[in-house]
N, C-alpha and C. Protein backbone atom coordinates (compact mmCIF):
# COMPACT_ATOMS: atom_id res chain seq x y z
N SER A 1 0.84 -1.19 0.00
CA SER A 1 0.00 0.00 0.00
C SER A 1 0.87 1.24 0.00
N PRO A 2 0.40 2.30 -0.62
CA PRO A 2 1.18 3.53 -0.59
C PRO A 2 1.19 4.11 0.81
N GLU A 3 2.19 4.95 1.08
CA GLU A 3 2.23 5.64 2.36
C GLU A 3 1.06 6.60 2.44
N ILE A 4 0.49 6.69 3.62
CA ILE A 4 -0.64 7.58 3.82
C ILE A 4 -0.16 8.83 4.54
N ASN A 5 -0.44 9.99 3.96
CA ASN A 5 -0.07 11.26 4.57
C ASN A 5 -1.12 11.63 5.60
N ILE A 6 -0.75 11.55 6.86
CA ILE A 6 -1.72 11.85 7.91
C ILE A 6 -1.70 13.33 8.28
N ASN A 7 -0.88 14.10 7.61
CA ASN A 7 -0.82 15.54 7.87
C ASN A 7 -1.76 16.30 6.95
N ILE A 8 -2.93 15.78 6.77
CA ILE A 8 -3.93 16.41 5.91
C ILE A 8 -5.19 16.62 6.75
N SER A 9 -5.81 17.74 6.56
CA SER A 9 -7.02 18.02 7.35
C SER A 9 -8.18 17.17 6.85
N LEU A 10 -9.15 16.98 7.70
CA LEU A 10 -10.33 16.22 7.33
C LEU A 10 -11.03 16.87 6.14
N GLU A 11 -11.13 18.17 6.15
CA GLU A 11 -11.79 18.88 5.04
C GLU A 11 -11.04 18.67 3.72
N LYS A 12 -9.71 18.72 3.77
CA LYS A 12 -8.91 18.50 2.57
C LYS A 12 -9.08 17.06 2.07
N ALA A 13 -9.11 16.10 2.99
CA ALA A 13 -9.31 14.69 2.62
C ALA A 13 -10.66 14.51 1.93
N LYS A 14 -11.70 15.12 2.48
CA LYS A 14 -13.03 15.03 1.87
C LYS A 14 -13.03 15.66 0.48
N GLU A 15 -12.30 16.73 0.31
CA GLU A 15 -12.22 17.41 -0.99
C GLU A 15 -11.53 16.52 -2.03
N VAL A 16 -10.44 15.86 -1.62
CA VAL A 16 -9.72 14.97 -2.54
C VAL A 16 -10.63 13.82 -2.97
N ILE A 17 -11.35 13.22 -2.02
CA ILE A 17 -12.26 12.11 -2.35
C ILE A 17 -13.39 12.60 -3.23
N PHE A 18 -13.96 13.77 -2.92
CA PHE A 18 -15.03 14.32 -3.75
C PHE A 18 -14.54 14.53 -5.18
N ASN A 19 -13.33 15.07 -5.33
CA ASN A 19 -12.79 15.31 -6.67
C ASN A 19 -12.61 14.02 -7.46
N ALA A 20 -12.27 12.94 -6.77
CA ALA A 20 -12.09 11.65 -7.45
C ALA A 20 -13.41 11.11 -8.01
N PHE A 21 -14.52 11.43 -7.33
CA PHE A 21 -15.81 10.86 -7.71
C PHE A 21 -16.79 11.87 -8.30
N GLU A 22 -16.41 13.13 -8.44
CA GLU A 22 -17.38 14.16 -8.79
C GLU A 22 -18.03 14.01 -10.16
N GLU A 23 -17.39 13.34 -11.10
CA GLU A 23 -17.96 13.24 -12.44
C GLU A 23 -18.88 12.04 -12.63
N PHE A 24 -19.03 11.21 -11.61
CA PHE A 24 -19.91 10.05 -11.71
C PHE A 24 -21.33 10.44 -11.33
N CYS A 25 -22.28 9.90 -12.05
CA CYS A 25 -23.69 10.18 -11.79
C CYS A 25 -24.26 9.10 -10.88
N PHE A 26 -24.03 9.24 -9.60
CA PHE A 26 -24.57 8.28 -8.64
C PHE A 26 -26.07 8.47 -8.53
N GLN A 27 -26.77 7.36 -8.38
CA GLN A 27 -28.23 7.44 -8.30
C GLN A 27 -28.67 8.14 -7.02
N THR A 28 -27.99 7.86 -5.90
CA THR A 28 -28.35 8.48 -4.62
C THR A 28 -27.08 8.84 -3.85
N GLN A 29 -27.24 9.59 -2.79
CA GLN A 29 -26.13 9.90 -1.90
C GLN A 29 -25.57 8.63 -1.27
N ASP A 30 -26.44 7.67 -1.00
CA ASP A 30 -26.01 6.39 -0.43
C ASP A 30 -25.06 5.67 -1.38
N ASP A 31 -25.30 5.75 -2.69
CA ASP A 31 -24.41 5.12 -3.66
C ASP A 31 -23.03 5.79 -3.65
N TYR A 32 -23.00 7.08 -3.51
CA TYR A 32 -21.74 7.82 -3.39
C TYR A 32 -21.00 7.38 -2.13
N THR A 33 -21.71 7.24 -1.03
CA THR A 33 -21.11 6.81 0.23
C THR A 33 -20.54 5.40 0.10
N LYS A 34 -21.24 4.52 -0.59
CA LYS A 34 -20.74 3.15 -0.78
C LYS A 34 -19.51 3.14 -1.68
N ALA A 35 -19.44 4.04 -2.66
CA ALA A 35 -18.24 4.13 -3.50
C ALA A 35 -17.03 4.54 -2.65
N ILE A 36 -17.25 5.45 -1.71
CA ILE A 36 -16.17 5.84 -0.79
C ILE A 36 -15.79 4.66 0.09
N ALA A 37 -16.78 3.90 0.56
CA ALA A 37 -16.49 2.71 1.37
C ALA A 37 -15.65 1.71 0.58
N ALA A 38 -15.97 1.52 -0.71
CA ALA A 38 -15.20 0.62 -1.55
C ALA A 38 -13.76 1.10 -1.69
N LEU A 39 -13.58 2.41 -1.78
CA LEU A 39 -12.24 2.99 -1.88
C LEU A 39 -11.44 2.77 -0.61
N LEU A 40 -12.06 2.93 0.54
CA LEU A 40 -11.35 2.88 1.82
C LEU A 40 -11.16 1.46 2.37
N THR A 41 -12.01 0.53 1.99
CA THR A 41 -11.98 -0.81 2.58
C THR A 41 -10.60 -1.48 2.53
N PRO A 42 -9.89 -1.48 1.39
CA PRO A 42 -8.58 -2.15 1.40
C PRO A 42 -7.59 -1.54 2.40
N PHE A 43 -7.71 -0.27 2.65
CA PHE A 43 -6.80 0.40 3.57
C PHE A 43 -7.12 0.11 5.03
N LEU A 44 -8.31 -0.42 5.30
CA LEU A 44 -8.75 -0.66 6.67
C LEU A 44 -8.47 -2.08 7.14
N ARG A 45 -7.93 -2.92 6.30
CA ARG A 45 -7.70 -4.32 6.66
C ARG A 45 -6.92 -4.46 7.96
N GLY A 46 -5.97 -3.60 8.22
CA GLY A 46 -5.18 -3.68 9.44
C GLY A 46 -5.98 -3.39 10.71
N LEU A 47 -7.17 -2.82 10.56
CA LEU A 47 -8.02 -2.53 11.71
C LEU A 47 -8.97 -3.68 12.03
N PHE A 48 -9.13 -4.62 11.11
CA PHE A 48 -9.99 -5.78 11.34
C PHE A 48 -9.29 -6.75 12.28
N PRO A 49 -10.04 -7.66 12.90
CA PRO A 49 -9.41 -8.65 13.79
C PRO A 49 -8.32 -9.48 13.09
N SER A 50 -8.47 -9.69 11.76
CA SER A 50 -7.45 -10.39 10.98
C SER A 50 -7.51 -9.87 9.55
N PHE A 51 -6.42 -10.04 8.82
CA PHE A 51 -6.37 -9.55 7.45
C PHE A 51 -7.30 -10.32 6.51
N ASN A 52 -7.69 -11.53 6.90
CA ASN A 52 -8.57 -12.31 6.05
C ASN A 52 -10.04 -12.18 6.45
N LYS A 53 -10.35 -11.19 7.26
CA LYS A 53 -11.75 -10.93 7.62
C LYS A 53 -12.51 -10.56 6.35
N ARG A 54 -13.65 -11.18 6.11
CA ARG A 54 -14.40 -10.95 4.88
C ARG A 54 -15.10 -9.59 4.88
N THR A 55 -15.09 -8.98 3.74
CA THR A 55 -15.73 -7.69 3.52
C THR A 55 -16.80 -7.86 2.45
N PRO A 56 -17.73 -6.91 2.35
CA PRO A 56 -18.78 -7.06 1.33
C PRO A 56 -18.21 -6.99 -0.08
N ILE A 57 -18.96 -7.55 -1.01
CA ILE A 57 -18.66 -7.40 -2.44
C ILE A 57 -19.24 -6.05 -2.84
N PHE A 58 -18.48 -5.25 -3.55
CA PHE A 58 -19.02 -3.99 -4.07
C PHE A 58 -19.42 -4.24 -5.51
N PHE A 59 -20.72 -4.05 -5.78
CA PHE A 59 -21.32 -4.38 -7.07
C PHE A 59 -21.75 -3.07 -7.73
N TYR A 60 -21.06 -2.69 -8.82
CA TYR A 60 -21.33 -1.45 -9.54
C TYR A 60 -22.35 -1.73 -10.63
N LEU A 61 -23.51 -1.09 -10.55
CA LEU A 61 -24.59 -1.27 -11.51
C LEU A 61 -24.88 0.06 -12.20
N SER A 62 -25.28 -0.03 -13.46
CA SER A 62 -25.74 1.19 -14.14
C SER A 62 -26.93 0.83 -15.02
N ASN A 63 -27.63 1.88 -15.45
CA ASN A 63 -28.83 1.66 -16.26
C ASN A 63 -28.51 1.54 -17.75
N ARG A 64 -27.23 1.66 -18.10
CA ARG A 64 -26.84 1.53 -19.51
C ARG A 64 -25.33 1.31 -19.58
N GLU A 65 -24.88 0.91 -20.76
CA GLU A 65 -23.44 0.75 -20.98
C GLU A 65 -22.77 2.12 -21.04
N ARG A 66 -21.48 2.13 -20.83
CA ARG A 66 -20.62 3.34 -20.93
C ARG A 66 -20.96 4.39 -19.86
N ALA A 67 -21.50 3.97 -18.73
CA ALA A 67 -21.82 4.91 -17.65
C ALA A 67 -20.63 5.13 -16.71
N GLY A 68 -19.60 4.31 -16.83
CA GLY A 68 -18.40 4.50 -16.02
C GLY A 68 -18.29 3.61 -14.80
N LYS A 69 -19.04 2.52 -14.77
CA LYS A 69 -19.01 1.67 -13.57
C LYS A 69 -17.64 1.03 -13.34
N ASP A 70 -16.98 0.56 -14.39
CA ASP A 70 -15.66 -0.05 -14.21
C ASP A 70 -14.60 1.02 -13.94
N TYR A 71 -14.78 2.18 -14.51
CA TYR A 71 -13.87 3.28 -14.22
C TYR A 71 -14.00 3.70 -12.75
N CYS A 72 -15.24 3.74 -12.26
CA CYS A 72 -15.48 4.08 -10.86
C CYS A 72 -14.86 3.02 -9.95
N ALA A 73 -15.05 1.76 -10.27
CA ALA A 73 -14.43 0.68 -9.50
C ALA A 73 -12.91 0.75 -9.58
N GLY A 74 -12.41 1.19 -10.72
CA GLY A 74 -10.97 1.27 -10.93
C GLY A 74 -10.27 2.30 -10.06
N ILE A 75 -11.01 3.26 -9.54
CA ILE A 75 -10.39 4.26 -8.66
C ILE A 75 -9.75 3.57 -7.46
N THR A 76 -10.44 2.58 -6.91
CA THR A 76 -9.87 1.83 -5.78
C THR A 76 -8.56 1.17 -6.18
N GLY A 77 -8.55 0.53 -7.33
CA GLY A 77 -7.32 -0.11 -7.81
C GLY A 77 -6.20 0.87 -8.04
N ILE A 78 -6.52 2.01 -8.62
CA ILE A 78 -5.49 3.02 -8.89
C ILE A 78 -4.88 3.52 -7.59
N VAL A 79 -5.72 3.82 -6.63
CA VAL A 79 -5.23 4.35 -5.35
C VAL A 79 -4.49 3.27 -4.56
N TYR A 80 -5.04 2.06 -4.53
CA TYR A 80 -4.48 1.01 -3.68
C TYR A 80 -3.32 0.27 -4.34
N GLU A 81 -3.42 -0.03 -5.64
CA GLU A 81 -2.42 -0.84 -6.32
C GLU A 81 -1.62 -0.10 -7.39
N GLY A 82 -2.06 1.10 -7.75
CA GLY A 82 -1.36 1.85 -8.78
C GLY A 82 -1.89 1.63 -10.17
N CYS A 83 -2.87 0.73 -10.34
CA CYS A 83 -3.48 0.50 -11.65
C CYS A 83 -4.87 -0.09 -11.45
N ALA A 84 -5.70 0.09 -12.46
CA ALA A 84 -7.07 -0.42 -12.41
C ALA A 84 -7.12 -1.74 -13.18
N LEU A 85 -7.05 -2.86 -12.48
CA LEU A 85 -7.11 -4.17 -13.12
C LEU A 85 -8.56 -4.62 -13.23
N GLU A 86 -8.91 -5.17 -14.39
CA GLU A 86 -10.24 -5.73 -14.60
C GLU A 86 -10.09 -7.19 -15.01
N ASP A 87 -10.88 -8.03 -14.38
CA ASP A 87 -10.89 -9.45 -14.72
C ASP A 87 -12.13 -9.75 -15.55
N PRO A 88 -12.10 -10.85 -16.32
CA PRO A 88 -13.26 -11.19 -17.15
C PRO A 88 -14.51 -11.45 -16.32
N PRO A 89 -15.68 -11.33 -16.92
CA PRO A 89 -16.92 -11.62 -16.20
C PRO A 89 -16.93 -13.05 -15.66
N ILE A 90 -17.71 -13.26 -14.61
CA ILE A 90 -17.74 -14.59 -14.01
C ILE A 90 -18.89 -15.44 -14.53
N ASN A 91 -19.68 -14.92 -15.42
CA ASN A 91 -20.84 -15.67 -15.91
C ASN A 91 -20.80 -15.83 -17.42
N SER A 92 -21.33 -16.94 -17.88
CA SER A 92 -21.48 -17.18 -19.32
C SER A 92 -22.44 -18.35 -19.50
N ASP A 93 -22.59 -18.80 -20.71
CA ASP A 93 -23.47 -19.93 -20.98
C ASP A 93 -22.79 -21.27 -20.68
N LYS A 94 -21.47 -21.24 -20.50
CA LYS A 94 -20.71 -22.46 -20.27
C LYS A 94 -20.44 -22.62 -18.78
N LYS A 95 -21.44 -23.06 -18.02
CA LYS A 95 -21.39 -23.11 -16.55
C LYS A 95 -20.18 -23.88 -16.03
N TYR A 96 -19.97 -25.10 -16.47
CA TYR A 96 -18.87 -25.93 -15.97
C TYR A 96 -17.53 -25.27 -16.28
N GLN A 97 -17.37 -24.78 -17.49
CA GLN A 97 -16.11 -24.13 -17.89
C GLN A 97 -15.87 -22.88 -17.05
N ASP A 98 -16.93 -22.13 -16.75
CA ASP A 98 -16.80 -20.94 -15.91
C ASP A 98 -16.24 -21.29 -14.54
N ASP A 99 -16.76 -22.37 -13.94
CA ASP A 99 -16.29 -22.78 -12.62
C ASP A 99 -14.80 -23.12 -12.64
N ILE A 100 -14.37 -23.85 -13.64
CA ILE A 100 -12.96 -24.22 -13.76
C ILE A 100 -12.10 -22.98 -13.95
N GLU A 101 -12.51 -22.09 -14.85
CA GLU A 101 -11.73 -20.87 -15.10
C GLU A 101 -11.66 -19.98 -13.86
N LEU A 102 -12.76 -19.87 -13.14
CA LEU A 102 -12.77 -19.04 -11.94
C LEU A 102 -11.87 -19.65 -10.86
N ARG A 103 -11.90 -20.96 -10.70
CA ARG A 103 -11.00 -21.61 -9.75
C ARG A 103 -9.56 -21.31 -10.09
N LYS A 104 -9.19 -21.40 -11.38
CA LYS A 104 -7.82 -21.11 -11.80
C LYS A 104 -7.48 -19.65 -11.54
N LYS A 105 -8.42 -18.75 -11.82
CA LYS A 105 -8.20 -17.32 -11.62
C LYS A 105 -7.95 -17.02 -10.14
N ILE A 106 -8.78 -17.57 -9.26
CA ILE A 106 -8.66 -17.29 -7.83
C ILE A 106 -7.36 -17.85 -7.27
N LEU A 107 -7.04 -19.10 -7.60
CA LEU A 107 -5.82 -19.69 -7.08
C LEU A 107 -4.59 -18.94 -7.58
N SER A 108 -4.61 -18.57 -8.84
CA SER A 108 -3.50 -17.80 -9.41
C SER A 108 -3.37 -16.43 -8.72
N ALA A 109 -4.50 -15.77 -8.48
CA ALA A 109 -4.47 -14.46 -7.82
C ALA A 109 -3.89 -14.58 -6.42
N LEU A 110 -4.32 -15.57 -5.67
CA LEU A 110 -3.80 -15.76 -4.32
C LEU A 110 -2.32 -16.13 -4.33
N ARG A 111 -1.92 -16.98 -5.26
CA ARG A 111 -0.50 -17.37 -5.37
C ARG A 111 0.39 -16.17 -5.68
N ASN A 112 -0.15 -15.24 -6.46
CA ASN A 112 0.63 -14.08 -6.87
C ASN A 112 0.48 -12.89 -5.92
N GLY A 113 -0.26 -13.07 -4.84
CA GLY A 113 -0.37 -12.01 -3.84
C GLY A 113 -1.33 -10.88 -4.18
N ARG A 114 -2.21 -11.10 -5.14
CA ARG A 114 -3.20 -10.05 -5.45
C ARG A 114 -4.10 -9.83 -4.26
N LYS A 115 -4.54 -8.60 -4.11
CA LYS A 115 -5.41 -8.24 -2.99
C LYS A 115 -6.80 -7.84 -3.45
N ARG A 116 -6.99 -7.64 -4.76
CA ARG A 116 -8.29 -7.23 -5.29
C ARG A 116 -8.60 -8.00 -6.56
N LEU A 117 -9.88 -8.29 -6.75
CA LEU A 117 -10.38 -8.82 -8.01
C LEU A 117 -11.62 -8.02 -8.38
N HIS A 118 -11.64 -7.50 -9.61
CA HIS A 118 -12.82 -6.79 -10.11
C HIS A 118 -13.26 -7.48 -11.40
N PHE A 119 -14.44 -8.11 -11.36
CA PHE A 119 -14.98 -8.81 -12.51
C PHE A 119 -15.91 -7.85 -13.26
N SER A 120 -15.48 -7.42 -14.44
CA SER A 120 -16.19 -6.36 -15.15
C SER A 120 -17.19 -6.90 -16.16
N ASN A 121 -18.21 -6.07 -16.41
CA ASN A 121 -19.17 -6.29 -17.49
C ASN A 121 -19.89 -7.64 -17.44
N ASN A 122 -20.37 -8.00 -16.27
CA ASN A 122 -21.15 -9.23 -16.14
C ASN A 122 -22.52 -9.04 -16.78
N LYS A 123 -23.04 -10.12 -17.33
CA LYS A 123 -24.35 -10.10 -18.00
C LYS A 123 -25.14 -11.33 -17.58
N GLY A 124 -26.44 -11.29 -17.83
CA GLY A 124 -27.26 -12.47 -17.60
C GLY A 124 -27.50 -12.76 -16.14
N TYR A 125 -27.38 -14.03 -15.78
CA TYR A 125 -27.68 -14.51 -14.43
C TYR A 125 -26.39 -15.01 -13.78
N ILE A 126 -26.05 -14.44 -12.63
CA ILE A 126 -24.85 -14.87 -11.91
C ILE A 126 -25.28 -15.91 -10.87
N ASP A 127 -24.78 -17.11 -11.07
CA ASP A 127 -25.03 -18.22 -10.14
C ASP A 127 -23.78 -19.09 -10.18
N ASN A 128 -22.80 -18.74 -9.37
CA ASN A 128 -21.53 -19.43 -9.41
C ASN A 128 -21.11 -19.78 -7.98
N VAL A 129 -21.11 -21.06 -7.64
CA VAL A 129 -20.79 -21.49 -6.28
C VAL A 129 -19.34 -21.18 -5.91
N ILE A 130 -18.44 -21.22 -6.88
CA ILE A 130 -17.04 -20.90 -6.62
C ILE A 130 -16.93 -19.43 -6.20
N PHE A 131 -17.63 -18.56 -6.92
CA PHE A 131 -17.60 -17.14 -6.59
C PHE A 131 -18.20 -16.89 -5.21
N GLU A 132 -19.33 -17.51 -4.93
CA GLU A 132 -19.95 -17.33 -3.62
C GLU A 132 -19.06 -17.86 -2.50
N GLN A 133 -18.36 -18.94 -2.77
CA GLN A 133 -17.46 -19.50 -1.76
C GLN A 133 -16.33 -18.53 -1.43
N ILE A 134 -15.67 -17.98 -2.44
CA ILE A 134 -14.51 -17.12 -2.19
C ILE A 134 -14.92 -15.82 -1.49
N THR A 135 -16.16 -15.41 -1.66
CA THR A 135 -16.59 -14.16 -1.03
C THR A 135 -16.82 -14.28 0.47
N THR A 136 -16.94 -15.52 0.98
CA THR A 136 -17.17 -15.69 2.43
C THR A 136 -16.11 -16.51 3.13
N ALA A 137 -15.24 -17.18 2.41
CA ALA A 137 -14.24 -18.06 3.02
C ALA A 137 -13.05 -17.25 3.56
N ASP A 138 -12.69 -17.50 4.81
CA ASP A 138 -11.51 -16.86 5.40
C ASP A 138 -10.22 -17.43 4.82
N THR A 139 -10.26 -18.71 4.46
CA THR A 139 -9.12 -19.34 3.79
C THR A 139 -9.64 -20.03 2.53
N TYR A 140 -8.76 -20.18 1.57
CA TYR A 140 -9.13 -20.81 0.31
C TYR A 140 -8.12 -21.90 0.01
N SER A 141 -8.60 -23.06 -0.34
CA SER A 141 -7.74 -24.19 -0.68
C SER A 141 -8.23 -24.80 -1.98
N ASP A 142 -7.29 -25.11 -2.84
CA ASP A 142 -7.64 -25.75 -4.11
C ASP A 142 -6.43 -26.51 -4.62
N ARG A 143 -6.70 -27.43 -5.52
CA ARG A 143 -5.66 -28.25 -6.13
C ARG A 143 -5.07 -27.52 -7.32
N ILE A 144 -3.76 -27.61 -7.43
CA ILE A 144 -3.10 -27.08 -8.62
C ILE A 144 -3.48 -27.99 -9.78
N LEU A 145 -4.03 -27.41 -10.83
CA LEU A 145 -4.46 -28.20 -11.97
C LEU A 145 -3.27 -28.94 -12.59
N GLY A 146 -3.47 -30.21 -12.85
CA GLY A 146 -2.42 -31.04 -13.43
C GLY A 146 -1.48 -31.65 -12.40
N LYS A 147 -1.69 -31.38 -11.11
CA LYS A 147 -0.83 -31.93 -10.06
C LYS A 147 -1.69 -32.48 -8.94
N SER A 148 -1.09 -33.30 -8.13
CA SER A 148 -1.77 -33.82 -6.94
C SER A 148 -1.31 -33.01 -5.72
N GLU A 149 -1.40 -31.71 -5.84
CA GLU A 149 -0.91 -30.82 -4.78
C GLU A 149 -1.97 -29.76 -4.48
N ASN A 150 -2.31 -29.64 -3.21
CA ASN A 150 -3.24 -28.61 -2.75
C ASN A 150 -2.47 -27.43 -2.18
N LEU A 151 -2.97 -26.25 -2.43
CA LEU A 151 -2.43 -25.04 -1.82
C LEU A 151 -3.53 -24.39 -1.00
N THR A 152 -3.16 -23.80 0.14
CA THR A 152 -4.10 -23.12 1.01
C THR A 152 -3.58 -21.73 1.30
N PHE A 153 -4.47 -20.74 1.19
CA PHE A 153 -4.10 -19.34 1.39
C PHE A 153 -5.11 -18.65 2.31
N GLU A 154 -4.63 -17.70 3.07
CA GLU A 154 -5.52 -16.79 3.77
C GLU A 154 -6.20 -15.96 2.69
N ASN A 155 -7.51 -15.79 2.76
CA ASN A 155 -8.26 -15.05 1.74
C ASN A 155 -8.33 -13.58 2.13
N GLU A 156 -7.42 -12.79 1.60
CA GLU A 156 -7.38 -11.35 1.86
C GLU A 156 -7.91 -10.55 0.67
N LEU A 157 -8.63 -11.21 -0.22
CA LEU A 157 -9.12 -10.56 -1.44
C LEU A 157 -10.30 -9.64 -1.15
N ASP A 158 -10.24 -8.43 -1.72
CA ASP A 158 -11.40 -7.56 -1.80
C ASP A 158 -11.97 -7.76 -3.20
N ILE A 159 -13.28 -7.96 -3.28
CA ILE A 159 -13.90 -8.35 -4.54
C ILE A 159 -14.97 -7.36 -4.94
N SER A 160 -14.97 -7.02 -6.23
CA SER A 160 -16.03 -6.18 -6.79
C SER A 160 -16.39 -6.72 -8.16
N LEU A 161 -17.54 -6.29 -8.65
CA LEU A 161 -17.96 -6.66 -9.98
C LEU A 161 -18.89 -5.58 -10.52
N SER A 162 -19.16 -5.66 -11.82
CA SER A 162 -20.02 -4.65 -12.44
C SER A 162 -20.95 -5.31 -13.44
N GLY A 163 -22.05 -4.61 -13.72
CA GLY A 163 -23.01 -5.07 -14.71
C GLY A 163 -24.05 -3.99 -14.93
N ASN A 164 -24.83 -4.13 -15.99
CA ASN A 164 -25.90 -3.18 -16.27
C ASN A 164 -27.22 -3.70 -15.71
N ILE A 165 -28.15 -2.76 -15.54
CA ILE A 165 -29.48 -3.12 -15.08
C ILE A 165 -30.00 -4.23 -15.98
N GLY A 166 -30.64 -5.20 -15.38
CA GLY A 166 -31.12 -6.37 -16.12
C GLY A 166 -30.33 -7.60 -15.72
N ILE A 167 -29.15 -7.39 -15.16
CA ILE A 167 -28.39 -8.52 -14.65
C ILE A 167 -29.12 -9.08 -13.44
N THR A 168 -29.09 -10.39 -13.29
CA THR A 168 -29.73 -11.02 -12.14
C THR A 168 -28.72 -11.92 -11.45
N PHE A 169 -29.04 -12.30 -10.22
CA PHE A 169 -28.10 -13.06 -9.41
C PHE A 169 -28.87 -13.76 -8.30
N THR A 170 -28.22 -14.69 -7.66
CA THR A 170 -28.86 -15.45 -6.59
C THR A 170 -29.11 -14.54 -5.39
N PRO A 171 -30.13 -14.83 -4.60
CA PRO A 171 -30.37 -14.07 -3.37
C PRO A 171 -29.17 -14.15 -2.42
N ASP A 172 -28.50 -15.29 -2.40
CA ASP A 172 -27.34 -15.46 -1.55
C ASP A 172 -26.25 -14.44 -1.91
N LEU A 173 -26.02 -14.26 -3.21
CA LEU A 173 -25.03 -13.28 -3.66
C LEU A 173 -25.49 -11.86 -3.32
N ALA A 174 -26.75 -11.58 -3.54
CA ALA A 174 -27.27 -10.24 -3.25
C ALA A 174 -27.05 -9.85 -1.79
N ASN A 175 -27.19 -10.80 -0.88
CA ASN A 175 -26.99 -10.51 0.54
C ASN A 175 -25.54 -10.24 0.90
N ARG A 176 -24.62 -10.57 0.03
CA ARG A 176 -23.19 -10.34 0.27
C ARG A 176 -22.68 -9.05 -0.37
N CYS A 177 -23.58 -8.35 -1.07
CA CYS A 177 -23.17 -7.19 -1.86
C CYS A 177 -23.60 -5.86 -1.25
N ARG A 178 -22.83 -4.85 -1.59
CA ARG A 178 -23.22 -3.46 -1.41
C ARG A 178 -23.30 -2.91 -2.83
N PHE A 179 -24.49 -2.48 -3.23
CA PHE A 179 -24.72 -2.04 -4.60
C PHE A 179 -24.43 -0.56 -4.74
N ILE A 180 -23.65 -0.23 -5.77
CA ILE A 180 -23.33 1.17 -6.09
C ILE A 180 -23.95 1.42 -7.46
N ARG A 181 -25.00 2.25 -7.46
CA ARG A 181 -25.78 2.46 -8.69
C ARG A 181 -25.40 3.77 -9.36
N LEU A 182 -25.10 3.65 -10.65
CA LEU A 182 -24.82 4.84 -11.46
C LEU A 182 -25.98 5.06 -12.42
């Protein structure tokens, strides 16, 4: 994480955050507040009882394409990691293949020390047990594909995703999300 300058006034800090988000058309003030929560959550991990304490999924929704949902989500990545990384959507018509690909993605991310995953431009119906598992598991264990070797990691991932209105998902997933509507 970058060094945090604590010699800044509260008013100046609020101004910097406002400037980062001022061009987004949030549906409500609550959506703006949740975007700020998404920005701050990775920096607060040291205040939780453990670094693998689970946090909500931040789900960026908009009423149309090109509204800036992935760009808005990317602000967290830029501030926290120095770049806005986007991962492929977690849903498609090939259910079994999606599960395998997501397992590989998650294990690879944990092996490489990633701290955030943002699944962009999801469509259709999200119903993925692997995704739901990683969002609540304090630790994650899986087999390395092609080997008889299991790896286990503390799950310190912050997870977000995006989609347009019309996307649907399981009630279980909805209860794990904080929706940010543009």
